[in-house]
Amino acid sequence: MELFTAAGLMAIAKIIVIDILLAGDNAIVIGMAAKNLQDKHRKQAIFWGTFGAIALRLIMAFLFIEAINNIPGLRLVGGILLLWIGYKLMANSESSHNIEAKSNLRDAIITIVIADGIMGIDNVIGVVGAAEGHMGLVLAGILITVPIIIWGSTLFVKLIDKYPAILFFGGGILGWIGGEMIHSDKYVFDYIDPITLPFKIGCIVLVVGAALIQRKLTANKSTQE
């Protein structure tokens, strides 16, 4: 898949949407880790923490791409994980963070890189799935998106709070991409290929439907309490 083609640009668009929706928590964590620093050091921590986070994500993406291209069955596992990630994105209306604010620059940078690396695993899986295993698209998507997320986290959080449908749009995309990854696995390809479109639509319905049911159950439980 070439970058400057309709398919390549569509993949980049999917990567940007997925990364923005899945990385809101990461941006909040970065802010929490650097909040006790002086303004000058806070900017340095965010800059170098972001640099380290991008580098770490690219390494994880490269390793994951190598794995899915060489280990049979991993596309199937990755696709199922994407369905779960899409469900969790929509079902969880609240996020909890327990990141200690650091008072010196080095500790803040280390905290940012480690926390973002751990929390960014779902992002990497989603981005690799959207890029269909092409490292060039992954690189372009991450380089475009991560800096935007870091400096625009407050705006994204407000937008999602105001327009919750954005989460369901992103969850639907993850359901579709998860279906694509499952379909491309050699163990199930022959079974799914005759029903490719209904299968992908079914993945979207499964993810969105399960999230809606969970939200309703949570709301009912809160009402009863």
C-alpha atoms as a PDB file:
ATOM      1  CA  MET A   1       0.000   0.000   0.000  1.00  0.00           C
ATOM      2  CA  GLU A   2       1.501   3.332  -1.063  1.00  0.00           C
ATOM      3  CA  LEU A   3       1.209   6.382   1.194  1.00  0.00           C
ATOM      4  CA  PHE A   4      -0.074   8.843  -1.423  1.00  0.00           C
ATOM      5  CA  THR A   5      -2.913   6.717  -2.783  1.00  0.00           C
ATOM      6  CA  ALA A   6      -6.590   6.651  -1.857  1.00  0.00           C
ATOM      7  CA  ALA A   7      -6.037   3.483   0.216  1.00  0.00           C
ATOM      8  CA  GLY A   8      -2.940   4.931   1.878  1.00  0.00           C
ATOM      9  CA  LEU A   9      -4.622   8.225   2.771  1.00  0.00           C
ATOM     10  CA  MET A  10      -7.658   6.351   4.079  1.00  0.00           C
ATOM     11  CA  ALA A  11      -5.386   4.239   6.277  1.00  0.00           C
ATOM     12  CA  ILE A  12      -3.678   7.400   7.601  1.00  0.00           C
ATOM     13  CA  ALA A  13      -7.102   8.890   8.394  1.00  0.00           C
ATOM     14  CA  LYS A  14      -8.092   5.749  10.324  1.00  0.00           C
ATOM     15  CA  ILE A  15      -4.788   5.787  12.211  1.00  0.00           C
ATOM     16  CA  ILE A  16      -5.284   9.421  13.245  1.00  0.00           C
ATOM     17  CA  VAL A  17      -8.871   8.814  14.452  1.00  0.00           C
ATOM     18  CA  ILE A  18      -7.885   5.680  16.393  1.00  0.00           C
ATOM     19  CA  ASP A  19      -4.812   7.240  17.961  1.00  0.00           C
ATOM     20  CA  ILE A  20      -6.663  10.385  19.038  1.00  0.00           C
ATOM     21  CA  LEU A  21      -9.514   8.425  20.624  1.00  0.00           C
ATOM     22  CA  LEU A  22      -7.282   5.899  22.357  1.00  0.00           C
ATOM     23  CA  ALA A  23      -4.585   8.312  23.502  1.00  0.00           C
ATOM     24  CA  GLY A  24      -6.622  10.819  25.483  1.00  0.00           C
ATOM     25  CA  ASP A  25      -5.723   9.036  28.738  1.00  0.00           C
ATOM     26  CA  ASN A  26      -2.054   9.018  27.759  1.00  0.00           C
ATOM     27  CA  ALA A  27      -2.064  12.790  27.331  1.00  0.00           C
ATOM     28  CA  ILE A  28      -3.688  13.251  30.746  1.00  0.00           C
ATOM     29  CA  VAL A  29      -1.053  11.028  32.346  1.00  0.00           C
ATOM     30  CA  ILE A  30       1.727  13.088  30.744  1.00  0.00           C
ATOM     31  CA  GLY A  31       0.214  16.241  32.202  1.00  0.00           C
ATOM     32  CA  MET A  32      -0.046  14.657  35.642  1.00  0.00           C
ATOM     33  CA  ALA A  33       3.575  13.457  35.605  1.00  0.00           C
ATOM     34  CA  ALA A  34       4.882  16.963  34.781  1.00  0.00           C
ATOM     35  CA  LYS A  35       2.507  19.140  36.779  1.00  0.00           C
ATOM     36  CA  ASN A  36       4.864  19.711  39.753  1.00  0.00           C
ATOM     37  CA  LEU A  37       7.732  20.964  37.592  1.00  0.00           C
ATOM     38  CA  GLN A  38       8.564  24.600  36.938  1.00  0.00           C
ATOM     39  CA  ASP A  39       7.193  25.946  33.664  1.00  0.00           C
ATOM     40  CA  LYS A  40      10.571  25.725  31.884  1.00  0.00           C
ATOM     41  CA  HIS A  41      11.176  22.156  33.021  1.00  0.00           C
ATOM     42  CA  ARG A  42       7.567  21.169  32.381  1.00  0.00           C
ATOM     43  CA  LYS A  43       7.909  22.049  28.704  1.00  0.00           C
ATOM     44  CA  GLN A  44      11.177  20.118  28.505  1.00  0.00           C
ATOM     45  CA  ALA A  45       9.589  17.090  30.213  1.00  0.00           C
ATOM     46  CA  ILE A  46       6.640  17.120  27.821  1.00  0.00           C
ATOM     47  CA  PHE A  47       8.921  17.546  24.783  1.00  0.00           C
ATOM     48  CA  TRP A  48      11.414  14.804  25.683  1.00  0.00           C
ATOM     49  CA  GLY A  49       8.699  12.587  27.129  1.00  0.00           C
ATOM     50  CA  THR A  50       6.795  12.894  23.872  1.00  0.00           C
ATOM     51  CA  PHE A  51       9.955  12.185  21.868  1.00  0.00           C
ATOM     52  CA  GLY A  52      10.608   9.069  23.935  1.00  0.00           C
ATOM     53  CA  ALA A  53       6.977   7.983  23.691  1.00  0.00           C
ATOM     54  CA  ILE A  54       7.035   8.263  19.884  1.00  0.00           C
ATOM     55  CA  ALA A  55      10.277   6.280  19.694  1.00  0.00           C
ATOM     56  CA  LEU A  56       8.920   3.576  22.009  1.00  0.00           C
ATOM     57  CA  ARG A  57       5.666   3.295  20.056  1.00  0.00           C
ATOM     58  CA  LEU A  58       7.542   2.949  16.779  1.00  0.00           C
ATOM     59  CA  ILE A  59       9.680   0.172  18.250  1.00  0.00           C
ATOM     60  CA  MET A  60       6.583  -1.636  19.558  1.00  0.00           C
ATOM     61  CA  ALA A  61       4.822  -1.171  16.217  1.00  0.00           C
ATOM     62  CA  PHE A  62       7.824  -2.535  14.295  1.00  0.00           C
ATOM     63  CA  LEU A  63       8.044  -5.588  16.568  1.00  0.00           C
ATOM     64  CA  PHE A  64       4.296  -6.180  16.309  1.00  0.00           C
ATOM     65  CA  ILE A  65       4.336  -5.876  12.506  1.00  0.00           C
ATOM     66  CA  GLU A  66       7.219  -8.348  12.308  1.00  0.00           C
ATOM     67  CA  ALA A  67       5.298 -10.693  14.586  1.00  0.00           C
ATOM     68  CA  ILE A  68       1.965 -10.594  12.729  1.00  0.00           C
ATOM     69  CA  ASN A  69       3.735 -11.093   9.400  1.00  0.00           C
ATOM     70  CA  ASN A  70       5.664 -14.123  10.641  1.00  0.00           C
ATOM     71  CA  ILE A  71       3.658 -15.816  13.401  1.00  0.00           C
ATOM     72  CA  PRO A  72       0.560 -17.702  12.183  1.00  0.00           C
ATOM     73  CA  GLY A  73      -2.604 -16.932  14.125  1.00  0.00           C
ATOM     74  CA  LEU A  74      -1.396 -13.600  15.510  1.00  0.00           C
ATOM     75  CA  ARG A  75      -3.615 -11.592  13.165  1.00  0.00           C
ATOM     76  CA  LEU A  76      -6.575 -13.515  14.566  1.00  0.00           C
ATOM     77  CA  VAL A  77      -5.483 -12.717  18.131  1.00  0.00           C
ATOM     78  CA  GLY A  78      -4.815  -9.065  17.230  1.00  0.00           C
ATOM     79  CA  GLY A  79      -8.227  -8.729  15.608  1.00  0.00           C
ATOM     80  CA  ILE A  80      -9.982 -10.127  18.677  1.00  0.00           C
ATOM     81  CA  LEU A  81      -7.971  -7.750  20.875  1.00  0.00           C
ATOM     82  CA  LEU A  82      -9.106  -4.828  18.704  1.00  0.00           C
ATOM     83  CA  LEU A  83     -12.743  -5.837  19.190  1.00  0.00           C
ATOM     84  CA  TRP A  84     -12.113  -5.832  22.956  1.00  0.00           C
ATOM     85  CA  ILE A  85     -10.335  -2.467  22.810  1.00  0.00           C
ATOM     86  CA  GLY A  86     -13.250  -0.971  20.844  1.00  0.00           C
ATOM     87  CA  TYR A  87     -15.697  -2.314  23.416  1.00  0.00           C
ATOM     88  CA  LYS A  88     -13.688  -0.927  26.340  1.00  0.00           C
ATOM     89  CA  LEU A  89     -13.383   2.464  24.613  1.00  0.00           C
ATOM     90  CA  MET A  90     -17.165   2.846  24.502  1.00  0.00           C
ATOM     91  CA  ALA A  91     -18.212   0.940  27.627  1.00  0.00           C
ATOM     92  CA  ASN A  92     -15.960   2.816  30.051  1.00  0.00           C
ATOM     93  CA  SER A  93     -17.370   6.282  30.573  1.00  0.00           C
ATOM     94  CA  GLU A  94     -14.767   7.095  33.232  1.00  0.00           C
ATOM     95  CA  SER A  95     -11.018   6.567  33.408  1.00  0.00           C
ATOM     96  CA  SER A  96      -8.901   6.298  36.531  1.00  0.00           C
ATOM     97  CA  HIS A  97      -5.339   7.479  36.746  1.00  0.00           C
ATOM     98  CA  ASN A  98      -2.852   6.924  39.527  1.00  0.00           C
ATOM     99  CA  ILE A  99       0.323   8.565  38.254  1.00  0.00           C
ATOM    100  CA  GLU A 100       2.490  10.313  40.816  1.00  0.00           C
ATOM    101  CA  ALA A 101       3.583  13.818  39.859  1.00  0.00           C
ATOM    102  CA  LYS A 102       7.383  14.101  39.716  1.00  0.00           C
ATOM    103  CA  SER A 103       9.351  17.030  41.053  1.00  0.00           C
ATOM    104  CA  ASN A 104      12.484  16.662  38.898  1.00  0.00           C
ATOM    105  CA  LEU A 105      12.916  16.647  35.133  1.00  0.00           C
ATOM    106  CA  ARG A 106      14.565  13.247  34.682  1.00  0.00           C
ATOM    107  CA  ASP A 107      11.995  11.354  36.770  1.00  0.00           C
ATOM    108  CA  ALA A 108       9.139  13.115  34.969  1.00  0.00           C
ATOM    109  CA  ILE A 109      10.520  12.152  31.549  1.00  0.00           C
ATOM    110  CA  ILE A 110      11.041   8.527  32.619  1.00  0.00           C
ATOM    111  CA  THR A 111       7.515   8.380  34.067  1.00  0.00           C
ATOM    112  CA  ILE A 112       6.021   9.817  30.880  1.00  0.00           C
ATOM    113  CA  VAL A 113       7.834   7.351  28.604  1.00  0.00           C
ATOM    114  CA  ILE A 114       7.064   4.290  30.744  1.00  0.00           C
ATOM    115  CA  ALA A 115       3.427   5.205  31.396  1.00  0.00           C
ATOM    116  CA  ASP A 116       2.804   6.093  27.758  1.00  0.00           C
ATOM    117  CA  GLY A 117       4.487   2.884  26.625  1.00  0.00           C
ATOM    118  CA  ILE A 118       2.323   0.705  28.851  1.00  0.00           C
ATOM    119  CA  MET A 119      -0.887   2.589  28.109  1.00  0.00           C
ATOM    120  CA  GLY A 120      -0.030   2.864  24.404  1.00  0.00           C
ATOM    121  CA  ILE A 121      -0.166  -0.869  23.694  1.00  0.00           C
ATOM    122  CA  ASP A 122      -3.807  -0.626  22.578  1.00  0.00           C
ATOM    123  CA  ASN A 123      -2.885   2.323  20.343  1.00  0.00           C
ATOM    124  CA  VAL A 124      -0.111   0.319  18.695  1.00  0.00           C
ATOM    125  CA  ILE A 125      -2.389  -2.648  18.007  1.00  0.00           C
ATOM    126  CA  GLY A 126      -5.058  -0.351  16.539  1.00  0.00           C
ATOM    127  CA  VAL A 127      -2.576   1.611  14.425  1.00  0.00           C
ATOM    128  CA  VAL A 128      -0.888  -1.526  13.055  1.00  0.00           C
ATOM    129  CA  GLY A 129      -4.301  -2.958  12.189  1.00  0.00           C
ATOM    130  CA  ALA A 130      -5.358   0.224  10.389  1.00  0.00           C
ATOM    131  CA  ALA A 131      -2.043   0.316   8.499  1.00  0.00           C
ATOM    132  CA  GLU A 132      -2.465  -3.354   7.504  1.00  0.00           C
ATOM    133  CA  GLY A 133       1.091  -4.074   8.563  1.00  0.00           C
ATOM    134  CA  HIS A 134       2.812  -1.276   6.594  1.00  0.00           C
ATOM    135  CA  MET A 135       5.479   0.401   8.719  1.00  0.00           C
ATOM    136  CA  GLY A 136       5.584   3.529   6.543  1.00  0.00           C
ATOM    137  CA  LEU A 137       1.909   4.236   7.261  1.00  0.00           C
ATOM    138  CA  VAL A 138       2.434   3.536  10.958  1.00  0.00           C
ATOM    139  CA  LEU A 139       5.350   5.990  11.032  1.00  0.00           C
ATOM    140  CA  ALA A 140       3.372   8.710   9.243  1.00  0.00           C
ATOM    141  CA  GLY A 141       0.309   8.230  11.450  1.00  0.00           C
ATOM    142  CA  ILE A 142       2.218   8.294  14.740  1.00  0.00           C
ATOM    143  CA  LEU A 143       4.378  11.288  13.785  1.00  0.00           C
ATOM    144  CA  ILE A 144       1.259  13.256  12.803  1.00  0.00           C
ATOM    145  CA  THR A 145      -0.923  12.245  15.716  1.00  0.00           C
ATOM    146  CA  VAL A 146       1.158  11.988  18.884  1.00  0.00           C
ATOM    147  CA  PRO A 147       2.304  15.661  19.010  1.00  0.00           C
ATOM    148  CA  ILE A 148      -1.282  16.776  18.310  1.00  0.00           C
ATOM    149  CA  ILE A 149      -2.531  14.620  21.179  1.00  0.00           C
ATOM    150  CA  ILE A 150       0.073  15.846  23.653  1.00  0.00           C
ATOM    151  CA  TRP A 151      -0.641  19.537  23.113  1.00  0.00           C
ATOM    152  CA  GLY A 152      -4.345  19.216  22.349  1.00  0.00           C
ATOM    153  CA  SER A 153      -5.441  16.770  25.029  1.00  0.00           C
ATOM    154  CA  THR A 154      -7.733  19.230  26.817  1.00  0.00           C
ATOM    155  CA  LEU A 155      -9.596  20.026  23.606  1.00  0.00           C
ATOM    156  CA  PHE A 156     -10.096  16.351  22.759  1.00  0.00           C
ATOM    157  CA  VAL A 157     -11.377  15.527  26.227  1.00  0.00           C
ATOM    158  CA  LYS A 158     -13.886  18.392  26.039  1.00  0.00           C
ATOM    159  CA  LEU A 159     -15.034  17.362  22.555  1.00  0.00           C
ATOM    160  CA  ILE A 160     -15.591  13.756  23.613  1.00  0.00           C
ATOM    161  CA  ASP A 161     -17.452  14.873  26.750  1.00  0.00           C
ATOM    162  CA  LYS A 162     -19.672  17.139  24.646  1.00  0.00           C
ATOM    163  CA  TYR A 163     -20.162  14.696  21.766  1.00  0.00           C
ATOM    164  CA  PRO A 164     -20.119  11.118  23.152  1.00  0.00           C
ATOM    165  CA  ALA A 165     -21.044   9.817  19.688  1.00  0.00           C
ATOM    166  CA  ILE A 166     -17.380  10.351  18.735  1.00  0.00           C
ATOM    167  CA  LEU A 167     -16.485   7.383  20.941  1.00  0.00           C
ATOM    168  CA  PHE A 168     -19.002   5.153  19.199  1.00  0.00           C
ATOM    169  CA  PHE A 169     -17.715   6.251  15.798  1.00  0.00           C
ATOM    170  CA  GLY A 170     -14.186   5.310  16.876  1.00  0.00           C
ATOM    171  CA  GLY A 171     -15.392   2.050  18.397  1.00  0.00           C
ATOM    172  CA  GLY A 172     -17.136   1.185  15.135  1.00  0.00           C
ATOM    173  CA  ILE A 173     -13.899   1.804  13.224  1.00  0.00           C
ATOM    174  CA  LEU A 174     -12.029  -0.475  15.630  1.00  0.00           C
ATOM    175  CA  GLY A 175     -14.700  -3.139  15.143  1.00  0.00           C
ATOM    176  CA  TRP A 176     -14.295  -2.906  11.354  1.00  0.00           C
ATOM    177  CA  ILE A 177     -10.481  -3.026  11.526  1.00  0.00           C
ATOM    178  CA  GLY A 178     -10.637  -5.907  13.997  1.00  0.00           C
ATOM    179  CA  GLY A 179     -12.832  -7.760  11.515  1.00  0.00           C
ATOM    180  CA  GLU A 180     -10.308  -7.045   8.756  1.00  0.00           C
ATOM    181  CA  MET A 181      -7.439  -8.430  10.863  1.00  0.00           C
ATOM    182  CA  ILE A 182      -9.382 -11.571  11.747  1.00  0.00           C
ATOM    183  CA  HIS A 183     -10.376 -12.056   8.091  1.00  0.00           C
ATOM    184  CA  SER A 184      -6.751 -11.744   6.922  1.00  0.00           C
ATOM    185  CA  ASP A 185      -5.495 -14.528   9.216  1.00  0.00           C
ATOM    186  CA  LYS A 186      -4.721 -17.654   7.242  1.00  0.00           C
ATOM    187  CA  TYR A 187      -6.402 -19.930   9.795  1.00  0.00           C
ATOM    188  CA  VAL A 188      -9.856 -18.431   9.208  1.00  0.00           C
ATOM    189  CA  PHE A 189      -9.530 -16.719   5.813  1.00  0.00           C
ATOM    190  CA  ASP A 190     -11.210 -19.497   3.812  1.00  0.00           C
ATOM    191  CA  TYR A 191     -14.185 -19.561   6.191  1.00  0.00           C
ATOM    192  CA  ILE A 192     -14.746 -15.797   6.376  1.00  0.00           C
ATOM    193  CA  ASP A 193     -13.837 -14.736   2.841  1.00  0.00           C
ATOM    194  CA  PRO A 194     -17.238 -15.674   1.302  1.00  0.00           C
ATOM    195  CA  ILE A 195     -19.002 -13.489   3.884  1.00  0.00           C
ATOM    196  CA  THR A 196     -16.403 -10.728   4.308  1.00  0.00           C
ATOM    197  CA  LEU A 197     -18.733  -7.712   4.357  1.00  0.00           C
ATOM    198  CA  PRO A 198     -21.413  -9.226   6.634  1.00  0.00           C
ATOM    199  CA  PHE A 199     -18.648 -10.430   8.959  1.00  0.00           C
ATOM    200  CA  LYS A 200     -17.078  -6.955   9.280  1.00  0.00           C
ATOM    201  CA  ILE A 201     -20.485  -5.352   9.826  1.00  0.00           C
ATOM    202  CA  GLY A 202     -21.207  -8.046  12.408  1.00  0.00           C
ATOM    203  CA  CYS A 203     -18.004  -7.123  14.242  1.00  0.00           C
ATOM    204  CA  ILE A 204     -19.140  -3.491  14.411  1.00  0.00           C
ATOM    205  CA  VAL A 205     -22.590  -4.512  15.684  1.00  0.00           C
ATOM    206  CA  LEU A 206     -21.021  -6.847  18.260  1.00  0.00           C
ATOM    207  CA  VAL A 207     -18.643  -4.212  19.638  1.00  0.00           C
ATOM    208  CA  VAL A 208     -21.118  -1.321  19.686  1.00  0.00           C
ATOM    209  CA  GLY A 209     -24.009  -3.484  20.919  1.00  0.00           C
ATOM    210  CA  ALA A 210     -21.983  -4.971  23.785  1.00  0.00           C
ATOM    211  CA  ALA A 211     -20.820  -1.501  24.840  1.00  0.00           C
ATOM    212  CA  LEU A 212     -24.360  -0.116  24.803  1.00  0.00           C
ATOM    213  CA  ILE A 213     -25.603  -3.040  26.899  1.00  0.00           C
ATOM    214  CA  GLN A 214     -22.768  -2.534  29.410  1.00  0.00           C
ATOM    215  CA  ARG A 215     -23.488   1.194  29.645  1.00  0.00           C
ATOM    216  CA  LYS A 216     -27.176   0.466  30.264  1.00  0.00           C
ATOM    217  CA  LEU A 217     -26.367  -2.086  32.970  1.00  0.00           C
ATOM    218  CA  THR A 218     -23.967   0.361  34.629  1.00  0.00           C
ATOM    219  CA  ALA A 219     -26.568   3.147  34.503  1.00  0.00           C
ATOM    220  CA  ASN A 220     -29.242   0.875  36.019  1.00  0.00           C
ATOM    221  CA  LYS A 221     -26.867  -0.182  38.790  1.00  0.00           C
ATOM    222  CA  SER A 222     -26.044   3.434  39.595  1.00  0.00           C
ATOM    223  CA  THR A 223     -29.749   4.303  39.707  1.00  0.00           C
ATOM    224  CA  GLN A 224     -30.482   1.458  42.120  1.00  0.00           C
ATOM    225  CA  GLU A 225     -27.669   2.526  44.411  1.00  0.00           C
END
